[in-house]
Amino acid sequence: MKYDWWLTPSAMMAVYLVQLEARLERAKSRGNALVFRGPVLLRLMLIVCLVVLPVFVVMHWDSRDPLPGICLLFFSFILVFVWPAAFVVDDAGLRRILWWKPVVMIPWKDVAEIEKNAAGDVMVIGMGSTLTFSRFHVDPERFEKEISKRSGKLKINKPKFLIDLNIK
């Protein structure tokens, strides 16, 4: 089997470019609300995969060995559920919007704690639920500032297990 050495660096570069775009792109303002979405490049890559994978499977279908084709079709179906959530920050609270799940909202008065892990993901912990804003969403610095200001929690904590392990 031929090894395509360039695939791994290409995939790593794509992940880096998505993170870079997330830091450079800004949240959209809608009235008094801020909308934080996944970067355009990430959404574009998902759309391309959703179209290209089924076409590739159909063009290279092997009736003698259908398992690889079935696995690729299943993988492309799973990609639909990987679509990044949109986070809306407004006067009422923080909302997470996914197309396949009900909207989850944490009112500002219910925010118990805000944590940021070593990877850069921010978890807003409410009384009834936890919302995770990943490092792949746009404008992470502004998100941190807005949730700190609106929730009244001026400090973003490290997760408890990192403190217990004395990791700085």
Protein backbone atom coordinates (compact mmCIF):
# COMPACT_ATOMS: atom_id res chain seq x y z
CA MET A 1 0.00 0.00 0.00
CA LYS A 2 1.36 3.39 -0.99
CA TYR A 3 1.86 5.90 1.85
CA ASP A 4 0.96 9.47 1.02
CA TRP A 5 3.27 11.31 3.40
CA TRP A 6 1.76 14.70 2.62
CA LEU A 7 -1.72 13.89 4.02
CA THR A 8 -0.79 14.20 7.71
CA PRO A 9 0.91 17.61 7.44
CA SER A 10 -1.95 18.81 5.23
CA ALA A 11 -4.54 17.80 7.83
CA MET A 12 -2.55 19.45 10.60
CA MET A 13 -2.23 22.63 8.53
CA ALA A 14 -6.01 22.64 7.93
CA VAL A 15 -6.65 22.42 11.70
CA TYR A 16 -4.17 25.24 12.31
CA LEU A 17 -5.80 27.41 9.64
CA VAL A 18 -9.25 26.87 11.18
CA GLN A 19 -7.90 27.90 14.60
CA LEU A 20 -6.16 30.93 13.09
CA GLU A 21 -9.33 32.01 11.31
CA ALA A 22 -11.29 31.58 14.55
CA ARG A 23 -8.94 34.00 16.30
CA LEU A 24 -9.00 36.52 13.45
CA GLU A 25 -12.70 36.47 12.58
CA ARG A 26 -15.08 38.59 14.69
CA ALA A 27 -18.46 37.86 16.23
CA LYS A 28 -21.50 39.19 14.36
CA SER A 29 -23.66 41.80 16.06
CA ARG A 30 -27.45 41.50 15.83
CA GLY A 31 -29.06 44.32 17.77
CA ASN A 32 -27.82 43.97 21.33
CA ALA A 33 -26.84 40.33 20.78
CA LEU A 34 -23.50 38.91 19.69
CA VAL A 35 -23.45 35.73 17.60
CA PHE A 36 -20.37 33.49 17.77
CA ARG A 37 -20.34 30.82 15.04
CA GLY A 38 -17.84 28.32 13.77
CA PRO A 39 -15.32 29.75 11.31
CA VAL A 40 -16.30 29.96 7.64
CA LEU A 41 -13.38 27.71 6.65
CA LEU A 42 -14.57 24.94 9.01
CA ARG A 43 -18.14 25.17 7.72
CA LEU A 44 -16.88 25.17 4.13
CA MET A 45 -14.70 22.10 4.77
CA LEU A 46 -17.69 20.27 6.26
CA ILE A 47 -19.91 21.15 3.29
CA VAL A 48 -17.25 19.96 0.84
CA CYS A 49 -16.87 16.67 2.75
CA LEU A 50 -20.64 16.22 2.87
CA VAL A 51 -20.82 16.53 -0.92
CA VAL A 52 -17.54 14.89 -1.98
CA LEU A 53 -17.66 11.74 0.19
CA PRO A 54 -21.00 10.40 -1.13
CA VAL A 55 -20.02 11.26 -4.72
CA PHE A 56 -16.68 9.47 -4.22
CA VAL A 57 -18.46 6.41 -2.82
CA VAL A 58 -20.93 6.26 -5.71
CA MET A 59 -18.21 6.65 -8.33
CA HIS A 60 -15.98 3.97 -6.75
CA TRP A 61 -18.63 1.53 -5.51
CA ASP A 62 -17.44 -2.07 -5.45
CA SER A 63 -20.27 -4.56 -5.18
CA ARG A 64 -17.83 -7.34 -4.27
CA ASP A 65 -16.59 -5.39 -1.20
CA PRO A 66 -19.21 -2.83 -0.16
CA LEU A 67 -17.96 -2.35 3.43
CA PRO A 68 -15.53 0.57 2.74
CA GLY A 69 -18.25 2.39 0.82
CA ILE A 70 -20.79 1.83 3.56
CA CYS A 71 -18.31 3.09 6.17
CA LEU A 72 -17.60 6.26 4.17
CA LEU A 73 -21.33 6.91 3.73
CA PHE A 74 -21.84 6.43 7.46
CA PHE A 75 -18.95 8.81 8.17
CA SER A 76 -20.45 11.46 5.87
CA PHE A 77 -23.77 11.05 7.70
CA ILE A 78 -21.99 11.60 11.05
CA LEU A 79 -20.44 14.82 9.70
CA VAL A 80 -23.91 16.39 9.64
CA PHE A 81 -23.94 16.27 13.44
CA VAL A 82 -20.47 17.80 13.77
CA TRP A 83 -21.71 21.17 12.45
CA PRO A 84 -20.48 23.80 14.96
CA ALA A 85 -22.95 25.36 17.36
CA ALA A 86 -23.77 29.04 17.32
CA PHE A 87 -23.52 30.88 20.63
CA VAL A 88 -25.67 33.96 21.21
CA VAL A 89 -24.73 36.38 24.00
CA ASP A 90 -27.46 38.90 24.83
CA ASP A 91 -28.97 40.66 27.85
CA ALA A 92 -30.98 37.58 28.85
CA GLY A 93 -28.12 35.08 28.90
CA LEU A 94 -26.01 32.71 26.86
CA ARG A 95 -27.70 30.46 24.27
CA ARG A 96 -26.30 27.54 22.29
CA ILE A 97 -28.03 26.84 19.00
CA LEU A 98 -27.57 23.53 17.19
CA TRP A 99 -29.77 22.62 14.22
CA TRP A 100 -30.49 19.13 15.55
CA LYS A 101 -30.98 19.87 19.27
CA PRO A 102 -33.23 22.20 21.26
CA VAL A 103 -31.78 25.58 22.17
CA VAL A 104 -30.02 25.57 25.54
CA MET A 105 -29.95 28.82 27.50
CA ILE A 106 -28.19 29.80 30.70
CA PRO A 107 -29.50 33.08 32.16
CA TRP A 108 -26.76 35.32 33.54
CA LYS A 109 -28.08 35.01 37.10
CA ASP A 110 -27.70 31.20 36.87
CA VAL A 111 -24.02 31.19 35.83
CA ALA A 112 -22.18 29.44 38.65
CA GLU A 113 -18.68 29.37 37.22
CA ILE A 114 -16.63 29.94 34.09
CA GLU A 115 -13.69 27.62 33.38
CA LYS A 116 -11.05 27.62 30.67
CA ASN A 117 -9.09 24.45 30.03
CA ALA A 118 -5.52 24.14 28.79
CA ALA A 119 -6.67 23.72 25.17
CA GLY A 120 -8.52 27.04 25.25
CA ASP A 121 -12.10 25.78 25.48
CA VAL A 122 -14.33 27.88 27.74
CA MET A 123 -17.02 26.12 29.81
CA VAL A 124 -19.88 28.18 31.17
CA ILE A 125 -21.36 26.22 34.06
CA GLY A 126 -24.93 27.07 34.92
CA MET A 127 -27.36 25.72 37.50
CA GLY A 128 -28.89 23.22 35.08
CA SER A 129 -26.44 22.83 32.22
CA THR A 130 -22.92 23.44 30.95
CA LEU A 131 -22.08 25.04 27.61
CA THR A 132 -18.65 24.60 26.04
CA PHE A 133 -17.30 27.25 23.68
CA SER A 134 -14.50 25.53 21.76
CA ARG A 135 -11.28 27.06 20.53
CA PHE A 136 -12.62 26.57 16.99
CA HIS A 137 -15.36 29.21 17.42
CA VAL A 138 -14.81 32.77 16.24
CA ASP A 139 -13.54 35.59 18.46
CA PRO A 140 -12.71 33.64 21.65
CA GLU A 141 -11.18 36.67 23.42
CA ARG A 142 -14.34 38.73 23.00
CA PHE A 143 -16.46 35.78 24.12
CA GLU A 144 -14.47 35.55 27.35
CA LYS A 145 -14.78 39.30 27.97
CA GLU A 146 -18.52 39.36 27.26
CA ILE A 147 -19.42 36.41 29.47
CA SER A 148 -17.22 37.71 32.29
CA LYS A 149 -18.80 41.16 32.09
CA ARG A 150 -22.42 40.04 31.70
CA SER A 151 -22.32 37.21 34.24
CA GLY A 152 -20.50 39.21 36.90
CA LYS A 153 -17.85 36.46 37.16
CA LEU A 154 -14.73 38.51 36.55
CA LYS A 155 -12.36 35.57 36.91
CA ILE A 156 -12.24 32.64 34.52
CA ASN A 157 -11.06 29.63 36.53
CA LYS A 158 -8.96 26.65 35.61
CA PRO A 159 -10.78 23.32 35.89
CA LYS A 160 -10.57 21.78 39.38
CA PHE A 161 -8.56 18.74 38.24
CA LEU A 162 -5.81 21.01 36.82
CA ILE A 163 -5.59 22.86 40.12
CA ASP A 164 -5.42 19.58 42.04
CA LEU A 165 -2.55 18.39 39.82
CA ASN A 166 -0.79 21.73 40.37
CA ILE A 167 -0.56 22.39 36.62
CA LYS A 168 0.14 26.00 35.77
